[in-house]
Protein backbone atom coordinates (compact mmCIF):
# COMPACT_ATOMS: atom_id res chain seq x y z
CA MET A 1 9.00 129.58 0.72
CA LYS A 2 11.85 127.05 0.89
CA LYS A 3 15.00 128.07 2.70
CA VAL A 4 18.25 127.14 0.96
CA ALA A 5 21.65 127.31 2.67
CA VAL A 6 24.70 127.32 0.41
CA ASP A 7 28.30 126.68 1.45
CA MET A 8 30.83 129.24 0.28
CA ASP A 9 34.30 127.67 -0.09
CA GLY A 10 34.33 125.09 -2.87
CA VAL A 11 30.68 125.72 -3.79
CA LEU A 12 30.49 129.46 -4.55
CA ALA A 13 34.10 130.61 -4.08
CA ASP A 14 36.74 128.51 -5.82
CA PHE A 15 38.95 128.13 -2.75
CA HIS A 16 40.51 124.89 -3.97
CA ARG A 17 41.58 126.15 -7.39
CA SER A 18 43.17 129.26 -5.85
CA ALA A 19 45.03 127.30 -3.19
CA ILE A 20 46.27 124.77 -5.77
CA GLU A 21 47.53 127.56 -8.05
CA ILE A 22 49.37 129.32 -5.22
CA ILE A 23 51.02 126.15 -3.94
CA THR A 24 52.00 124.71 -7.32
CA LYS A 25 53.27 128.02 -8.73
CA GLN A 26 54.70 129.89 -5.75
CA TYR A 27 55.87 126.97 -3.65
CA LYS A 28 56.60 124.65 -6.61
CA ILE A 29 54.94 121.67 -4.91
CA PRO A 30 53.10 119.37 -7.34
CA LEU A 31 49.53 118.24 -6.86
CA LYS A 32 48.95 114.50 -6.47
CA PRO A 33 46.88 112.69 -9.13
CA GLU A 34 43.12 113.15 -8.59
CA GLU A 35 42.59 109.47 -7.77
CA GLU A 36 44.88 109.91 -4.74
CA ILE A 37 42.89 112.84 -3.37
CA ILE A 38 40.36 111.26 -1.06
CA THR A 39 40.16 113.65 1.87
CA TRP A 40 38.90 117.17 2.47
CA GLU A 41 42.20 118.09 4.13
CA MET A 42 44.24 119.77 1.41
CA GLU A 43 47.46 119.07 3.29
CA TYR A 44 47.24 115.55 1.80
CA TRP A 45 46.66 116.74 -1.79
CA PHE A 46 50.27 117.64 -2.56
CA ASP A 47 53.51 115.76 -3.06
CA ALA A 48 55.04 116.95 0.23
CA SER A 49 54.79 115.92 3.86
CA TYR A 50 51.68 116.74 5.86
CA GLU A 51 53.76 118.93 8.20
CA ILE A 52 55.16 121.08 5.37
CA MET A 53 51.74 121.48 3.78
CA HIS A 54 50.11 122.24 7.11
CA ASP A 55 52.60 125.06 7.73
CA ILE A 56 51.99 126.47 4.23
CA PHE A 57 48.22 126.41 4.70
CA GLN A 58 48.46 128.01 8.11
CA THR A 59 50.52 130.82 6.59
CA LEU A 60 48.15 131.28 3.64
CA MET A 61 44.92 131.15 5.63
CA LYS A 62 46.06 132.96 8.74
CA GLU A 63 48.59 135.55 7.61
CA ARG A 64 48.10 136.31 3.93
CA ASP A 65 46.17 139.53 3.42
CA GLY A 66 43.77 139.12 0.50
CA PHE A 67 43.81 135.30 0.42
CA TRP A 68 40.09 134.96 1.27
CA ARG A 69 38.96 137.90 -0.84
CA LEU A 70 40.47 136.99 -4.21
CA PHE A 71 38.98 133.58 -5.03
CA PRO A 72 37.23 133.30 -8.39
CA VAL A 73 33.56 132.34 -8.48
CA VAL A 74 33.02 128.60 -9.09
CA LYS A 75 32.21 127.96 -12.74
CA GLY A 76 28.46 128.19 -13.35
CA ALA A 77 27.67 129.33 -9.81
CA LEU A 78 26.82 132.98 -10.42
CA TRP A 79 23.76 132.51 -12.65
CA GLU A 80 22.33 129.55 -10.72
CA PHE A 81 22.93 131.16 -7.33
CA LYS A 82 21.17 134.31 -8.57
CA ARG A 83 18.24 132.10 -9.52
CA LEU A 84 18.18 130.66 -5.99
CA VAL A 85 18.16 134.14 -4.50
CA ASP A 86 15.29 135.15 -6.80
CA PHE A 87 13.06 132.18 -5.94
CA TYR A 88 14.05 130.98 -2.44
CA GLU A 89 15.00 132.38 0.93
CA THR A 90 18.73 131.93 0.45
CA TYR A 91 21.61 131.96 2.93
CA ILE A 92 25.34 131.60 2.51
CA VAL A 93 26.69 129.48 5.35
CA THR A 94 30.46 129.28 5.66
CA SER A 95 32.95 127.84 8.12
CA PRO A 96 35.54 130.54 8.75
CA PHE A 97 39.15 130.08 9.72
CA TRP A 98 38.72 131.63 13.16
CA ASP A 99 42.46 132.15 13.80
CA SER A 100 42.86 134.48 10.83
CA GLU A 101 42.65 138.22 11.32
CA PHE A 102 41.59 138.49 7.66
CA CYS A 103 39.17 135.61 7.05
CA LEU A 104 35.89 136.92 8.45
CA LYS A 105 36.21 140.37 6.93
CA GLU A 106 37.50 139.11 3.57
CA LYS A 107 34.79 136.46 3.16
CA ALA A 108 32.15 139.16 3.62
CA GLN A 109 34.01 141.37 1.14
CA TRP A 110 34.09 138.49 -1.36
CA VAL A 111 30.31 138.11 -1.11
CA GLU A 112 29.68 141.83 -1.52
CA LYS A 113 32.00 142.05 -4.55
CA ASN A 114 30.99 138.87 -6.38
CA LEU A 115 27.31 138.54 -5.38
CA PRO A 116 25.99 142.13 -5.24
CA PHE A 117 22.39 140.88 -5.60
CA PHE A 118 22.69 138.84 -2.37
CA ASP A 119 21.45 140.30 0.94
CA ILE A 120 24.59 140.29 3.11
CA ARG A 121 22.34 139.99 6.19
CA ASN A 122 21.80 136.36 5.11
CA PHE A 123 25.53 135.63 5.33
CA ILE A 124 26.23 133.28 8.25
CA MET A 125 29.62 132.17 9.59
CA THR A 126 29.52 128.98 11.62
CA ASN A 127 31.22 125.62 11.83
CA LYS A 128 27.88 124.05 12.79
CA LYS A 129 25.86 124.20 9.60
CA HIS A 130 23.37 121.62 10.87
CA ILE A 131 21.88 124.18 13.29
CA ILE A 132 20.82 126.47 10.43
CA ASP A 133 17.05 126.60 9.92
CA ALA A 134 16.88 125.61 6.26
CA ASP A 135 15.19 123.01 4.09
CA ILE A 136 18.16 122.40 1.77
CA LEU A 137 21.93 122.55 2.25
CA ILE A 138 24.26 122.66 -0.75
CA ASP A 139 27.78 121.82 0.43
CA ASP A 140 30.90 119.95 -0.69
CA SER A 141 31.46 118.32 2.69
CA GLU A 142 29.90 114.92 3.27
CA LYS A 143 30.15 115.52 7.02
CA ASN A 144 28.15 118.76 6.82
CA ILE A 145 25.51 117.15 4.60
CA ARG A 146 25.23 114.10 6.86
CA GLU A 147 24.82 116.24 10.01
CA PHE A 148 22.34 118.59 8.32
CA VAL A 149 19.92 115.92 7.07
CA SER A 150 20.10 113.91 10.31
CA VAL A 151 18.85 116.83 12.44
CA GLY A 152 15.33 117.16 11.08
CA LYS A 153 12.72 115.52 8.88
CA GLY A 154 12.29 116.79 5.39
CA ARG A 155 15.76 118.27 5.08
CA THR A 156 17.58 117.77 1.78
CA GLY A 157 21.33 117.71 1.29
CA ILE A 158 22.96 118.34 -2.07
CA LEU A 159 26.60 117.28 -2.12
CA MET A 160 28.60 119.35 -4.62
CA ASN A 161 31.23 117.29 -6.38
CA ASN A 162 34.80 118.42 -5.67
CA HIS A 163 38.40 117.17 -5.87
CA PHE A 164 38.22 115.29 -2.59
CA ASN A 165 34.81 113.64 -2.94
CA PHE A 166 34.47 112.87 -6.66
CA ASN A 167 35.31 109.18 -6.12
CA ARG A 168 32.79 108.76 -3.33
CA ASN A 169 29.17 107.76 -3.38
CA VAL A 170 26.54 109.89 -1.78
CA PRO A 171 26.15 109.21 1.96
CA ASP A 172 23.67 106.39 2.52
CA ILE A 173 20.96 108.67 3.84
CA ASN A 174 17.58 109.51 2.35
CA MET A 175 17.23 112.97 0.87
CA VAL A 176 20.86 113.36 -0.23
CA SER A 177 21.91 113.87 -3.82
CA LYS A 178 25.28 114.46 -5.46
CA VAL A 179 25.78 116.94 -8.28
CA SER A 180 28.77 117.65 -10.49
CA SER A 181 27.95 121.25 -11.34
CA TRP A 182 25.70 124.16 -10.52
CA ASN A 183 23.69 123.40 -13.63
CA GLU A 184 22.46 120.15 -12.05
CA ILE A 185 21.24 121.75 -8.81
CA LYS A 186 17.98 123.06 -10.28
CA ASP A 187 16.89 119.44 -10.83
CA TYR A 188 16.80 118.90 -7.05
CA LEU A 189 14.91 122.01 -5.95
């Protein structure tokens, strides 16, 4: 049975949409046009200095109770992820914000609340996704995909389209595909 590892933030949990809503509504800082968003670091996504945005993100991610628990599910993810769980050995692999007293606990709570069919024992927190023993990694980070497929033969990376990578081509590595939605993932399994 194939083993599939799935990233959480930006792939299952809509971290980006939640953060954008909080910053544009509560802090009144506008989002830059999509064509100017070319990096994973959200501090560069807004019309404010990196330093100001960095401080805001540190506050949100480190000190805000409930921040990690309240993200909506990415559109289309629930049904397709359930299908993965039904047919593959499936893991959620997420990079936590280690400095937050809330992050680890709230990410697990998010999974239990939003994905009750998922075996929480297959929930892995690590910043080194390439060490996970899986055949396929679905992630929105080019770096994670690149590292994952370079570690072993026969590994497949599926890069999920997101704000910061929609302008980019798939990394020039065999066995990597780019998808725009969860609906497209089934074509690569």
